[in-house]
């Protein structure tokens, strides 16, 4: 499924996230190798040890890892998950490379969506990656009105 997504869509960055595998290290390295061969950057999700050891292009920290931004920034780009305006302000103050902001659209089990108009309120000087409920070109088209760094999705790329 991953290789099919790479062939089907223009992708700049892959964020590797796996919460269940016992062999996350070998999977992460395989993803890194595959993406590097195609000129795609790879960020690893919340695995600070793997980020440090194998020099991924960046790390995507959870909203519970704000205290790690400053030390991780020295090793590469840090993207932090944000769900509130306060978290976005904290990310900016701590000089995170970018922040995911979610959920924008309805996503099962992720709470009330922020809605597309919430993007008007995000700090203009930040790199914002819209996340949540992006399942088709319809949502992507709606996001294009905003000065976003990009968008992230699992369901859009895997269908």
Protein backbone atom coordinates (compact mmCIF):
# COMPACT_ATOMS: atom_id res chain seq x y z
CA UNK A 1 0.00 0.00 0.00
CA UNK A 2 2.86 2.40 0.85
CA UNK A 3 4.62 1.96 -2.49
CA UNK A 4 1.33 2.40 -4.35
CA UNK A 5 0.75 5.71 -2.51
CA UNK A 6 4.24 6.90 -3.52
CA UNK A 7 3.51 6.10 -7.17
CA UNK A 8 0.04 7.64 -7.17
CA UNK A 9 0.66 10.95 -5.35
CA UNK A 10 3.33 13.63 -5.35
CA UNK A 11 4.67 13.34 -1.78
CA UNK A 12 7.34 15.58 -0.25
CA UNK A 13 7.52 14.19 3.28
CA UNK A 14 6.54 10.86 4.78
CA UNK A 15 5.88 10.68 8.50
CA UNK A 16 6.44 7.11 9.61
CA UNK A 17 4.08 6.16 12.42
CA UNK A 18 3.53 2.69 13.76
CA UNK A 19 1.98 2.12 17.16
CA UNK A 20 1.68 -1.67 17.07
CA UNK A 21 4.62 -3.39 15.35
CA UNK A 22 7.31 -5.14 17.31
CA UNK A 23 9.84 -4.43 14.56
CA UNK A 24 9.42 -0.65 14.27
CA UNK A 25 13.17 -0.14 13.84
CA UNK A 26 13.48 -2.31 10.74
CA UNK A 27 10.25 -0.94 9.25
CA UNK A 28 11.36 2.65 9.82
CA UNK A 29 14.72 2.00 8.19
CA UNK A 30 13.06 0.34 5.19
CA UNK A 31 10.75 3.35 4.76
CA UNK A 32 13.72 5.69 5.09
CA UNK A 33 15.70 3.80 2.42
CA UNK A 34 12.75 3.68 0.02
CA UNK A 35 11.96 7.36 0.43
CA UNK A 36 15.57 8.51 0.23
CA UNK A 37 15.90 6.76 -3.14
CA UNK A 38 12.94 8.80 -4.38
CA UNK A 39 14.11 12.11 -2.85
CA UNK A 40 11.37 12.12 -0.21
CA UNK A 41 12.11 13.29 3.33
CA UNK A 42 11.17 11.03 6.23
CA UNK A 43 10.04 12.13 9.66
CA UNK A 44 9.59 9.58 12.39
CA UNK A 45 6.62 9.89 14.70
CA UNK A 46 7.45 10.36 18.39
CA UNK A 47 10.33 7.83 18.39
CA UNK A 48 13.03 10.16 19.70
CA UNK A 49 15.59 7.36 20.11
CA UNK A 50 15.27 6.25 16.48
CA UNK A 51 15.33 9.87 15.33
CA UNK A 52 18.62 10.42 17.14
CA UNK A 53 20.25 7.15 16.17
CA UNK A 54 19.34 7.00 12.49
CA UNK A 55 19.19 10.68 11.59
CA UNK A 56 15.76 10.92 10.03
CA UNK A 57 15.03 14.27 8.37
CA UNK A 58 12.79 15.19 11.25
CA UNK A 59 10.60 14.02 14.08
CA UNK A 60 6.86 14.48 14.54
CA UNK A 61 6.23 14.85 18.25
CA UNK A 62 2.89 14.32 19.96
CA UNK A 63 1.16 17.12 21.84
CA UNK A 64 2.49 15.53 25.04
CA UNK A 65 6.12 16.05 23.92
CA UNK A 66 6.38 19.86 23.86
CA UNK A 67 9.20 19.63 26.41
CA UNK A 68 11.33 17.82 23.79
CA UNK A 69 11.14 20.46 21.05
CA UNK A 70 14.21 22.48 21.98
CA UNK A 71 16.64 19.55 22.34
CA UNK A 72 15.30 17.76 19.23
CA UNK A 73 15.55 20.94 17.16
CA UNK A 74 19.34 20.65 17.37
CA UNK A 75 19.19 17.32 15.50
CA UNK A 76 16.71 18.16 12.75
CA UNK A 77 13.30 19.52 11.95
CA UNK A 78 10.64 19.16 14.62
CA UNK A 79 6.96 19.04 13.82
CA UNK A 80 4.65 19.09 16.83
CA UNK A 81 1.00 18.05 17.02
CA UNK A 82 -1.24 20.92 18.11
CA UNK A 83 -4.94 20.87 18.83
CA UNK A 84 -5.47 24.35 20.30
CA UNK A 85 -4.39 27.91 19.58
CA UNK A 86 -2.39 27.86 22.83
CA UNK A 87 -0.45 24.83 21.62
CA UNK A 88 0.23 26.61 18.32
CA UNK A 89 1.55 29.64 20.20
CA UNK A 90 3.76 27.36 22.33
CA UNK A 91 5.10 25.65 19.21
CA UNK A 92 5.99 29.02 17.73
CA UNK A 93 7.65 30.21 20.94
CA UNK A 94 9.70 27.00 21.16
CA UNK A 95 10.63 27.39 17.47
CA UNK A 96 9.25 24.13 16.15
CA UNK A 97 9.83 23.81 12.41
CA UNK A 98 6.10 23.25 11.87
CA UNK A 99 2.93 22.16 13.63
CA UNK A 100 0.16 19.85 12.59
CA UNK A 101 -3.22 21.32 13.53
CA UNK A 102 -6.10 18.92 13.89
CA UNK A 103 -8.67 17.72 13.36
CA UNK A 104 -9.76 20.12 10.64
CA UNK A 105 -12.52 17.92 9.21
CA UNK A 106 -14.45 15.11 10.86
CA UNK A 107 -12.24 12.17 11.77
CA UNK A 108 -13.55 9.12 13.63
CA UNK A 109 -12.61 9.12 17.33
CA UNK A 110 -10.77 12.47 17.18
CA UNK A 111 -13.36 14.76 18.73
CA UNK A 112 -15.06 17.85 17.38
CA UNK A 113 -13.43 19.09 14.16
CA UNK A 114 -11.94 22.59 14.18
CA UNK A 115 -13.52 23.37 10.83
CA UNK A 116 -11.92 25.00 7.84
CA UNK A 117 -12.46 28.52 9.15
CA UNK A 118 -10.33 27.85 12.24
CA UNK A 119 -7.35 28.07 9.88
CA UNK A 120 -7.95 31.83 9.62
CA UNK A 121 -6.84 32.20 13.25
CA UNK A 122 -3.54 30.34 13.08
CA UNK A 123 -0.36 32.41 13.29
CA UNK A 124 0.59 33.53 9.79
CA UNK A 125 4.31 33.21 10.45
CA UNK A 126 4.05 29.49 11.29
CA UNK A 127 4.31 26.48 9.05
CA UNK A 128 0.96 24.79 9.57
CA UNK A 129 0.12 21.31 8.33
CA UNK A 130 -3.61 20.67 8.24
CA UNK A 131 -4.54 17.23 9.51
CA UNK A 132 -7.70 15.25 10.07
CA UNK A 133 -10.50 14.17 7.79
CA UNK A 134 -8.69 14.86 4.53
CA UNK A 135 -10.00 12.00 2.44
CA UNK A 136 -10.48 13.45 -1.05
CA UNK A 137 -9.53 16.25 -3.43
CA UNK A 138 -12.60 18.12 -2.15
CA UNK A 139 -10.95 18.77 1.24
CA UNK A 140 -7.61 19.58 -0.40
CA UNK A 141 -9.30 22.14 -2.63
CA UNK A 142 -10.88 23.79 0.42
CA UNK A 143 -7.49 23.95 2.15
CA UNK A 144 -5.84 25.73 -0.77
CA UNK A 145 -7.40 29.04 0.28
CA UNK A 146 -5.17 29.16 3.34
CA UNK A 147 -1.47 29.80 3.60
CA UNK A 148 -0.58 26.30 4.76
CA UNK A 149 2.76 24.54 4.68
CA UNK A 150 0.87 21.44 3.64
CA UNK A 151 -1.55 18.77 4.68
CA UNK A 152 -1.19 15.30 6.13
CA UNK A 153 -3.48 12.35 5.73
CA UNK A 154 -3.54 8.61 5.95
CA UNK A 155 -6.88 7.85 4.32
CA UNK A 156 -6.33 10.17 1.31
CA UNK A 157 -3.03 8.54 0.39
CA UNK A 158 -4.14 4.97 1.11
CA UNK A 159 -7.28 4.89 -1.02
